[in-house]
Amino acid sequence: MKLVIRWAITAVALVAAVWLIPGIRIESQNAWIAVGLMAVILGFVNAIIRPVLMFFSCGCIVLTMGLFMIVVNGLALWSASWISVNVFNVGFYVDGLWPAILGSIVVSIVSFLLSLLLPDNQ
């Protein structure tokens, strides 16, 4: 149940990013399916690709006292969008690095705020 709740939180956060950031858009007949699949893909990217990005950029992360993590999160969102469009043919587009960085900030903030609403025992 916890996994489904986290997936739903990520999906809502992605909808907020699409709504707020001009360079992130959905071009699909079934927008909710595109958001749901993008949430799953973003979960896999955060589990597999993001740690690799963190490993290779650990020097930059230390030099910037963690601020480079914003760029790493943006790259993770951008690569999840690329995977969703090119591999799964889902119409969730991120048009560049800056929209990806801004979108990752929105996704992080919305996910954090929605996670605060969950009880601690889940």
Protein backbone atom coordinates (compact mmCIF):
# COMPACT_ATOMS: atom_id res chain seq x y z
CA MET A 1 0.00 0.00 0.00
CA LYS A 2 2.87 2.34 0.81
CA LEU A 3 4.29 1.92 -2.71
CA VAL A 4 0.95 2.87 -4.29
CA ILE A 5 0.70 5.96 -2.08
CA ARG A 6 4.24 7.05 -3.02
CA TRP A 7 3.45 6.47 -6.69
CA ALA A 8 0.30 8.61 -6.38
CA ILE A 9 2.24 11.37 -4.64
CA THR A 10 4.82 11.36 -7.45
CA ALA A 11 2.05 11.46 -10.06
CA VAL A 12 0.41 14.46 -8.38
CA ALA A 13 3.80 16.18 -8.13
CA LEU A 14 4.38 15.59 -11.86
CA VAL A 15 0.98 17.11 -12.64
CA ALA A 16 2.00 20.17 -10.61
CA ALA A 17 5.24 20.41 -12.59
CA VAL A 18 3.36 20.22 -15.89
CA TRP A 19 1.00 22.92 -14.69
CA LEU A 20 3.70 25.28 -13.36
CA ILE A 21 6.72 24.87 -15.65
CA PRO A 22 6.36 26.01 -19.29
CA GLY A 23 8.96 23.56 -20.68
CA ILE A 24 7.22 20.44 -19.32
CA ARG A 25 4.20 19.21 -21.22
CA ILE A 26 2.03 16.18 -21.89
CA GLU A 27 1.13 15.38 -25.49
CA SER A 28 -0.98 12.30 -25.19
CA GLN A 29 -4.60 11.29 -25.66
CA ASN A 30 -4.64 9.78 -22.18
CA ALA A 31 -2.84 12.33 -20.02
CA TRP A 32 -3.43 10.46 -16.76
CA ILE A 33 -1.90 7.29 -18.19
CA ALA A 34 1.10 9.31 -19.36
CA VAL A 35 1.51 10.81 -15.89
CA GLY A 36 1.12 7.42 -14.21
CA LEU A 37 3.70 5.76 -16.44
CA MET A 38 6.05 8.73 -16.04
CA ALA A 39 5.74 8.36 -12.25
CA VAL A 40 6.74 4.70 -12.53
CA ILE A 41 9.63 5.50 -14.87
CA LEU A 42 10.81 8.33 -12.60
CA GLY A 43 10.77 5.89 -9.67
CA PHE A 44 12.99 3.47 -11.57
CA VAL A 45 15.31 6.27 -12.70
CA ASN A 46 15.60 7.49 -9.11
CA ALA A 47 16.40 3.95 -7.99
CA ILE A 48 18.89 3.03 -10.75
CA ILE A 49 20.28 6.00 -12.70
CA ARG A 50 20.28 8.71 -10.01
CA PRO A 51 22.76 6.86 -7.73
CA VAL A 52 25.13 6.49 -10.69
CA LEU A 53 24.82 10.23 -11.43
CA MET A 54 25.48 10.98 -7.76
CA PHE A 55 28.56 8.76 -7.75
CA PHE A 56 30.11 10.41 -10.79
CA SER A 57 29.28 13.92 -9.60
CA CYS A 58 30.21 13.49 -5.93
CA GLY A 59 33.10 15.97 -6.29
CA CYS A 60 30.75 18.67 -7.59
CA ILE A 61 28.23 17.85 -4.88
CA VAL A 62 30.88 18.28 -2.18
CA LEU A 63 32.29 21.46 -3.76
CA THR A 64 28.87 23.09 -3.94
CA MET A 65 27.85 21.82 -0.49
CA GLY A 66 25.01 19.78 -1.95
CA LEU A 67 23.57 22.35 -4.32
CA PHE A 68 24.63 20.29 -7.33
CA MET A 69 22.01 17.74 -6.24
CA ILE A 70 19.45 20.07 -7.85
CA VAL A 71 21.19 19.50 -11.18
CA VAL A 72 21.35 15.73 -10.55
CA ASN A 73 17.62 15.67 -9.82
CA GLY A 74 16.99 17.68 -12.99
CA LEU A 75 19.05 15.23 -15.02
CA ALA A 76 17.07 12.37 -13.50
CA LEU A 77 13.76 14.00 -14.50
CA TRP A 78 15.10 14.78 -17.97
CA SER A 79 16.35 11.21 -18.50
CA ALA A 80 13.03 9.79 -17.23
CA SER A 81 11.26 11.95 -19.79
CA TRP A 82 13.62 10.75 -22.53
CA ILE A 83 13.00 7.12 -21.56
CA SER A 84 9.24 7.64 -21.46
CA VAL A 85 9.17 9.27 -24.90
CA ASN A 86 11.72 7.14 -26.75
CA VAL A 87 11.33 3.73 -25.14
CA PHE A 88 7.69 3.58 -23.99
CA ASN A 89 6.22 6.13 -26.44
CA VAL A 90 4.55 8.09 -23.63
CA GLY A 91 3.93 11.75 -24.42
CA PHE A 92 5.58 13.33 -21.37
CA TYR A 93 8.11 15.90 -22.62
CA VAL A 94 10.77 17.92 -20.81
CA ASP A 95 12.19 20.46 -23.24
CA GLY A 96 15.65 21.01 -21.79
CA LEU A 97 17.87 21.15 -18.74
CA TRP A 98 16.40 24.31 -17.21
CA PRO A 99 12.80 23.09 -17.32
CA ALA A 100 14.06 19.77 -15.93
CA ILE A 101 15.81 21.50 -13.03
CA LEU A 102 12.81 23.70 -12.28
CA GLY A 103 10.50 20.70 -12.65
CA SER A 104 12.59 18.62 -10.27
CA ILE A 105 12.37 21.42 -7.70
CA VAL A 106 8.57 21.50 -8.07
CA VAL A 107 8.32 17.70 -7.89
CA SER A 108 10.52 17.64 -4.78
CA ILE A 109 8.56 20.37 -2.98
CA VAL A 110 5.13 18.95 -3.83
CA SER A 111 6.21 15.42 -2.92
CA PHE A 112 7.60 16.64 0.39
CA LEU A 113 4.44 18.59 1.24
CA LEU A 114 2.16 15.70 0.33
CA SER A 115 4.34 13.27 2.31
CA LEU A 116 3.81 15.45 5.38
CA LEU A 117 0.12 14.60 5.20
CA LEU A 118 0.82 10.87 5.58
CA PRO A 119 0.86 9.27 9.01
CA ASP A 120 4.27 8.19 10.29
CA ASN A 121 3.36 4.51 10.65
CA GLN A 122 3.12 3.90 6.90
